Amino acid sequence: MCLGIPMQVLSADSQKALCKRGAEEHWVDLSLIGNVETGEWLLTFMGAAREKISPERAEQINQALKAVESVMQGESADFEALFADLVEREPQLPPHLQELKT
């Protein structure tokens, strides 16, 4: 399973950004997304930024990651709170798959 991790940009040049998640700081490769600004949120995977995301989307992903972490540690979790963006919502196919729907 692959998990994208939201990280916030602390500083950046044209090739890499120093980002933080909680108390941790990491250098992230920007080759796939180009220039970023301090304060922006990135979805990262294996040391590389995959896309820019909104602060709201970063929070949604962080809540989902908390749920996964709880389950992996054998703890209970308030899934309705941690996946609040999915409660009472019909799942939607991505646009490129909607045309295949019959």
N, C-alpha and C. Protein backbone atom coordinates (compact mmCIF):
# COMPACT_ATOMS: atom_id res chain seq x y z
N MET A 1 0.85 -1.17 0.00
CA MET A 1 0.00 0.00 0.00
C MET A 1 0.89 1.23 0.00
N CYS A 2 0.53 2.22 -0.79
CA CYS A 2 1.26 3.48 -0.88
C CYS A 2 0.45 4.57 -0.21
N LEU A 3 1.08 5.34 0.64
CA LEU A 3 0.41 6.43 1.31
C LEU A 3 1.11 7.74 1.02
N GLY A 4 0.36 8.71 0.55
CA GLY A 4 0.89 10.06 0.39
C GLY A 4 0.81 10.77 1.73
N ILE A 5 1.84 11.52 2.05
CA ILE A 5 1.93 12.21 3.33
C ILE A 5 1.88 13.72 3.09
N PRO A 6 0.93 14.42 3.69
CA PRO A 6 0.89 15.88 3.55
C PRO A 6 2.05 16.51 4.34
N MET A 7 2.70 17.47 3.71
CA MET A 7 3.78 18.21 4.36
C MET A 7 3.67 19.67 3.96
N GLN A 8 4.03 20.57 4.88
CA GLN A 8 3.95 22.00 4.61
C GLN A 8 5.34 22.55 4.32
N VAL A 9 5.43 23.39 3.30
CA VAL A 9 6.70 23.94 2.85
C VAL A 9 7.19 25.01 3.83
N LEU A 10 8.44 24.83 4.30
CA LEU A 10 9.09 25.82 5.15
C LEU A 10 9.95 26.76 4.31
N SER A 11 10.67 26.21 3.34
CA SER A 11 11.49 26.99 2.42
C SER A 11 11.72 26.13 1.18
N ALA A 12 12.07 26.79 0.07
CA ALA A 12 12.24 26.03 -1.16
C ALA A 12 13.15 26.77 -2.13
N ASP A 13 13.79 25.99 -2.99
CA ASP A 13 14.46 26.53 -4.16
C ASP A 13 13.80 25.87 -5.37
N SER A 14 14.41 25.90 -6.52
CA SER A 14 13.76 25.36 -7.71
C SER A 14 13.75 23.84 -7.78
N GLN A 15 14.53 23.17 -6.92
CA GLN A 15 14.65 21.72 -7.01
C GLN A 15 14.16 20.96 -5.79
N LYS A 16 14.17 21.61 -4.64
CA LYS A 16 13.79 20.91 -3.41
C LYS A 16 13.16 21.88 -2.42
N ALA A 17 12.43 21.31 -1.48
CA ALA A 17 11.79 22.11 -0.44
C ALA A 17 12.02 21.47 0.91
N LEU A 18 12.27 22.29 1.90
CA LEU A 18 12.31 21.81 3.28
C LEU A 18 10.88 21.87 3.77
N CYS A 19 10.34 20.72 4.16
CA CYS A 19 8.94 20.61 4.56
C CYS A 19 8.84 20.03 5.95
N LYS A 20 7.68 20.28 6.59
CA LYS A 20 7.46 19.72 7.92
C LYS A 20 6.13 19.01 7.98
N ARG A 21 6.12 18.02 8.85
CA ARG A 21 4.89 17.32 9.25
C ARG A 21 5.03 17.11 10.73
N GLY A 22 4.22 17.80 11.50
CA GLY A 22 4.38 17.76 12.95
C GLY A 22 5.73 18.35 13.32
N ALA A 23 6.50 17.61 14.12
CA ALA A 23 7.82 18.07 14.54
C ALA A 23 8.93 17.65 13.58
N GLU A 24 8.59 16.81 12.60
CA GLU A 24 9.60 16.30 11.66
C GLU A 24 9.77 17.23 10.47
N GLU A 25 11.04 17.37 10.05
CA GLU A 25 11.35 18.14 8.85
C GLU A 25 12.09 17.24 7.87
N HIS A 26 11.76 17.38 6.57
CA HIS A 26 12.40 16.57 5.53
C HIS A 26 12.58 17.41 4.27
N TRP A 27 13.62 17.09 3.52
CA TRP A 27 13.81 17.68 2.20
C TRP A 27 12.99 16.87 1.21
N VAL A 28 12.27 17.56 0.33
CA VAL A 28 11.38 16.94 -0.63
C VAL A 28 11.77 17.39 -2.04
N ASP A 29 11.88 16.45 -2.95
CA ASP A 29 12.19 16.73 -4.35
C ASP A 29 10.97 17.35 -5.03
N LEU A 30 11.19 18.42 -5.80
CA LEU A 30 10.10 19.12 -6.48
C LEU A 30 10.04 18.85 -7.98
N SER A 31 10.79 17.88 -8.47
CA SER A 31 10.87 17.63 -9.92
C SER A 31 9.52 17.41 -10.58
N LEU A 32 8.57 16.80 -9.88
CA LEU A 32 7.28 16.47 -10.49
C LEU A 32 6.26 17.60 -10.45
N ILE A 33 6.51 18.63 -9.61
CA ILE A 33 5.49 19.68 -9.50
C ILE A 33 6.00 21.09 -9.76
N GLY A 34 7.30 21.29 -9.81
CA GLY A 34 7.83 22.64 -10.07
C GLY A 34 7.91 23.48 -8.82
N ASN A 35 7.92 24.79 -9.02
CA ASN A 35 8.13 25.73 -7.91
C ASN A 35 6.97 25.74 -6.92
N VAL A 36 7.32 25.97 -5.66
CA VAL A 36 6.33 26.08 -4.59
C VAL A 36 6.66 27.30 -3.74
N GLU A 37 5.68 27.72 -2.96
CA GLU A 37 5.84 28.86 -2.07
C GLU A 37 5.84 28.38 -0.62
N THR A 38 6.52 29.14 0.23
CA THR A 38 6.51 28.85 1.67
C THR A 38 5.07 28.85 2.16
N GLY A 39 4.72 27.86 2.96
CA GLY A 39 3.37 27.74 3.52
C GLY A 39 2.46 26.83 2.73
N GLU A 40 2.80 26.53 1.47
CA GLU A 40 1.95 25.64 0.69
C GLU A 40 2.03 24.21 1.24
N TRP A 41 0.99 23.44 0.94
CA TRP A 41 0.93 22.03 1.34
C TRP A 41 1.19 21.16 0.13
N LEU A 42 1.97 20.10 0.35
CA LEU A 42 2.32 19.15 -0.70
C LEU A 42 1.92 17.75 -0.25
N LEU A 43 1.49 16.95 -1.20
CA LEU A 43 1.28 15.53 -0.94
C LEU A 43 2.57 14.85 -1.39
N THR A 44 3.25 14.18 -0.47
CA THR A 44 4.57 13.62 -0.74
C THR A 44 4.55 12.10 -0.63
N PHE A 45 5.47 11.49 -1.34
CA PHE A 45 5.64 10.03 -1.29
C PHE A 45 7.10 9.73 -1.59
N MET A 46 7.73 9.01 -0.70
CA MET A 46 9.12 8.58 -0.86
C MET A 46 10.06 9.75 -1.21
N GLY A 47 9.91 10.86 -0.47
CA GLY A 47 10.82 11.97 -0.62
C GLY A 47 10.58 12.88 -1.80
N ALA A 48 9.46 12.71 -2.48
CA ALA A 48 9.14 13.56 -3.63
C ALA A 48 7.72 14.11 -3.51
N ALA A 49 7.56 15.36 -3.90
CA ALA A 49 6.22 15.96 -3.94
C ALA A 49 5.49 15.42 -5.15
N ARG A 50 4.24 15.01 -4.95
CA ARG A 50 3.43 14.48 -6.05
C ARG A 50 2.41 15.49 -6.55
N GLU A 51 1.93 16.36 -5.62
CA GLU A 51 0.99 17.40 -6.01
C GLU A 51 0.86 18.42 -4.89
N LYS A 52 0.40 19.63 -5.28
CA LYS A 52 0.06 20.66 -4.30
C LYS A 52 -1.37 20.38 -3.86
N ILE A 53 -1.62 20.56 -2.56
CA ILE A 53 -2.96 20.34 -2.03
C ILE A 53 -3.36 21.52 -1.14
N SER A 54 -4.65 21.65 -0.92
CA SER A 54 -5.15 22.72 -0.05
C SER A 54 -4.93 22.34 1.41
N PRO A 55 -4.93 23.33 2.30
CA PRO A 55 -4.83 23.02 3.73
C PRO A 55 -5.98 22.10 4.19
N GLU A 56 -7.16 22.29 3.62
CA GLU A 56 -8.31 21.44 3.99
C GLU A 56 -8.08 19.99 3.57
N ARG A 57 -7.55 19.80 2.37
CA ARG A 57 -7.27 18.44 1.89
C ARG A 57 -6.16 17.81 2.74
N ALA A 58 -5.17 18.59 3.12
CA ALA A 58 -4.09 18.08 3.98
C ALA A 58 -4.68 17.58 5.31
N GLU A 59 -5.62 18.33 5.87
CA GLU A 59 -6.24 17.92 7.13
C GLU A 59 -7.06 16.65 6.95
N GLN A 60 -7.80 16.53 5.84
CA GLN A 60 -8.57 15.32 5.58
C GLN A 60 -7.64 14.10 5.50
N ILE A 61 -6.54 14.25 4.80
CA ILE A 61 -5.59 13.13 4.67
C ILE A 61 -4.96 12.81 6.01
N ASN A 62 -4.61 13.83 6.78
CA ASN A 62 -4.03 13.58 8.11
C ASN A 62 -5.01 12.85 9.01
N GLN A 63 -6.30 13.17 8.93
CA GLN A 63 -7.31 12.47 9.73
C GLN A 63 -7.40 11.00 9.30
N ALA A 64 -7.36 10.75 8.01
CA ALA A 64 -7.39 9.37 7.52
C ALA A 64 -6.16 8.60 7.99
N LEU A 65 -5.00 9.25 7.96
CA LEU A 65 -3.77 8.60 8.43
C LEU A 65 -3.84 8.28 9.92
N LYS A 66 -4.50 9.15 10.70
CA LYS A 66 -4.70 8.86 12.13
C LYS A 66 -5.54 7.61 12.30
N ALA A 67 -6.57 7.45 11.47
CA ALA A 67 -7.42 6.25 11.55
C ALA A 67 -6.61 5.00 11.23
N VAL A 68 -5.81 5.04 10.18
CA VAL A 68 -4.97 3.90 9.80
C VAL A 68 -4.00 3.56 10.93
N GLU A 69 -3.38 4.58 11.50
CA GLU A 69 -2.43 4.36 12.59
C GLU A 69 -3.11 3.72 13.80
N SER A 70 -4.31 4.17 14.13
CA SER A 70 -5.05 3.59 15.25
C SER A 70 -5.33 2.12 15.03
N VAL A 71 -5.80 1.78 13.84
CA VAL A 71 -6.11 0.39 13.52
C VAL A 71 -4.85 -0.47 13.58
N MET A 72 -3.75 0.05 13.03
CA MET A 72 -2.49 -0.72 13.03
C MET A 72 -1.98 -0.97 14.44
N GLN A 73 -2.32 -0.08 15.37
CA GLN A 73 -1.90 -0.26 16.76
C GLN A 73 -2.94 -1.00 17.59
N GLY A 74 -4.00 -1.47 16.93
CA GLY A 74 -5.04 -2.23 17.63
C GLY A 74 -5.94 -1.38 18.49
N GLU A 75 -5.96 -0.10 18.25
CA GLU A 75 -6.79 0.81 19.03
C GLU A 75 -8.11 1.05 18.31
N SER A 76 -9.10 1.51 19.06
CA SER A 76 -10.36 1.89 18.42
C SER A 76 -10.23 3.33 17.94
N ALA A 77 -11.06 3.69 16.98
CA ALA A 77 -11.02 5.04 16.43
C ALA A 77 -12.43 5.49 16.10
N ASP A 78 -12.65 6.78 16.17
CA ASP A 78 -13.93 7.37 15.79
C ASP A 78 -13.88 7.62 14.29
N PHE A 79 -14.22 6.58 13.52
CA PHE A 79 -14.09 6.65 12.08
C PHE A 79 -14.98 7.71 11.44
N GLU A 80 -16.16 7.95 12.01
CA GLU A 80 -17.02 9.00 11.45
C GLU A 80 -16.36 10.36 11.60
N ALA A 81 -15.65 10.59 12.67
CA ALA A 81 -14.96 11.88 12.84
C ALA A 81 -13.70 11.94 11.98
N LEU A 82 -12.96 10.83 11.91
CA LEU A 82 -11.71 10.83 11.16
C LEU A 82 -11.92 10.81 9.65
N PHE A 83 -13.07 10.34 9.21
CA PHE A 83 -13.42 10.35 7.78
C PHE A 83 -14.67 11.20 7.56
N ALA A 84 -14.73 12.34 8.22
CA ALA A 84 -15.91 13.20 8.18
C ALA A 84 -16.28 13.62 6.76
N ASP A 85 -15.29 13.76 5.89
CA ASP A 85 -15.57 14.17 4.51
C ASP A 85 -16.26 13.08 3.70
N LEU A 86 -16.31 11.86 4.21
CA LEU A 86 -16.93 10.75 3.49
C LEU A 86 -18.30 10.37 4.03
N VAL A 87 -18.64 10.87 5.22
CA VAL A 87 -19.91 10.51 5.85
C VAL A 87 -21.05 11.14 5.06
N GLU A 88 -22.08 10.34 4.82
CA GLU A 88 -23.28 10.77 4.10
C GLU A 88 -22.95 11.30 2.70
N ARG A 89 -22.01 10.67 2.04
CA ARG A 89 -21.64 11.07 0.68
C ARG A 89 -21.53 9.83 -0.18
N GLU A 90 -22.11 9.90 -1.34
CA GLU A 90 -22.04 8.79 -2.28
C GLU A 90 -20.65 8.79 -2.92
N PRO A 91 -19.96 7.65 -2.95
CA PRO A 91 -18.65 7.60 -3.59
C PRO A 91 -18.74 7.99 -5.06
N GLN A 92 -17.74 8.71 -5.55
CA GLN A 92 -17.70 9.16 -6.93
C GLN A 92 -16.47 8.60 -7.63
N LEU A 93 -16.68 8.16 -8.86
CA LEU A 93 -15.56 7.72 -9.68
C LEU A 93 -14.77 8.95 -10.13
N PRO A 94 -13.45 8.80 -10.33
CA PRO A 94 -12.69 9.90 -10.91
C PRO A 94 -13.21 10.20 -12.31
N PRO A 95 -13.06 11.45 -12.77
CA PRO A 95 -13.62 11.83 -14.08
C PRO A 95 -13.21 10.91 -15.23
N HIS A 96 -11.97 10.44 -15.25
CA HIS A 96 -11.53 9.60 -16.36
C HIS A 96 -12.18 8.21 -16.35
N LEU A 97 -12.78 7.81 -15.23
CA LEU A 97 -13.47 6.52 -15.17
C LEU A 97 -14.98 6.67 -15.30
N GLN A 98 -15.50 7.87 -15.12
CA GLN A 98 -16.95 8.07 -15.21
C GLN A 98 -17.49 7.73 -16.59
N GLU A 99 -16.70 7.99 -17.64
CA GLU A 99 -17.16 7.69 -18.99
C GLU A 99 -17.30 6.20 -19.24
N LEU A 100 -16.61 5.38 -18.44
CA LEU A 100 -16.68 3.92 -18.61
C LEU A 100 -17.90 3.32 -17.89
N LYS A 101 -18.50 4.11 -17.02
CA LYS A 101 -19.65 3.65 -16.24
C LYS A 101 -20.82 3.37 -17.18
N THR A 102 -21.43 2.21 -17.01
CA THR A 102 -22.56 1.84 -17.87
C THR A 102 -23.85 1.77 -17.10
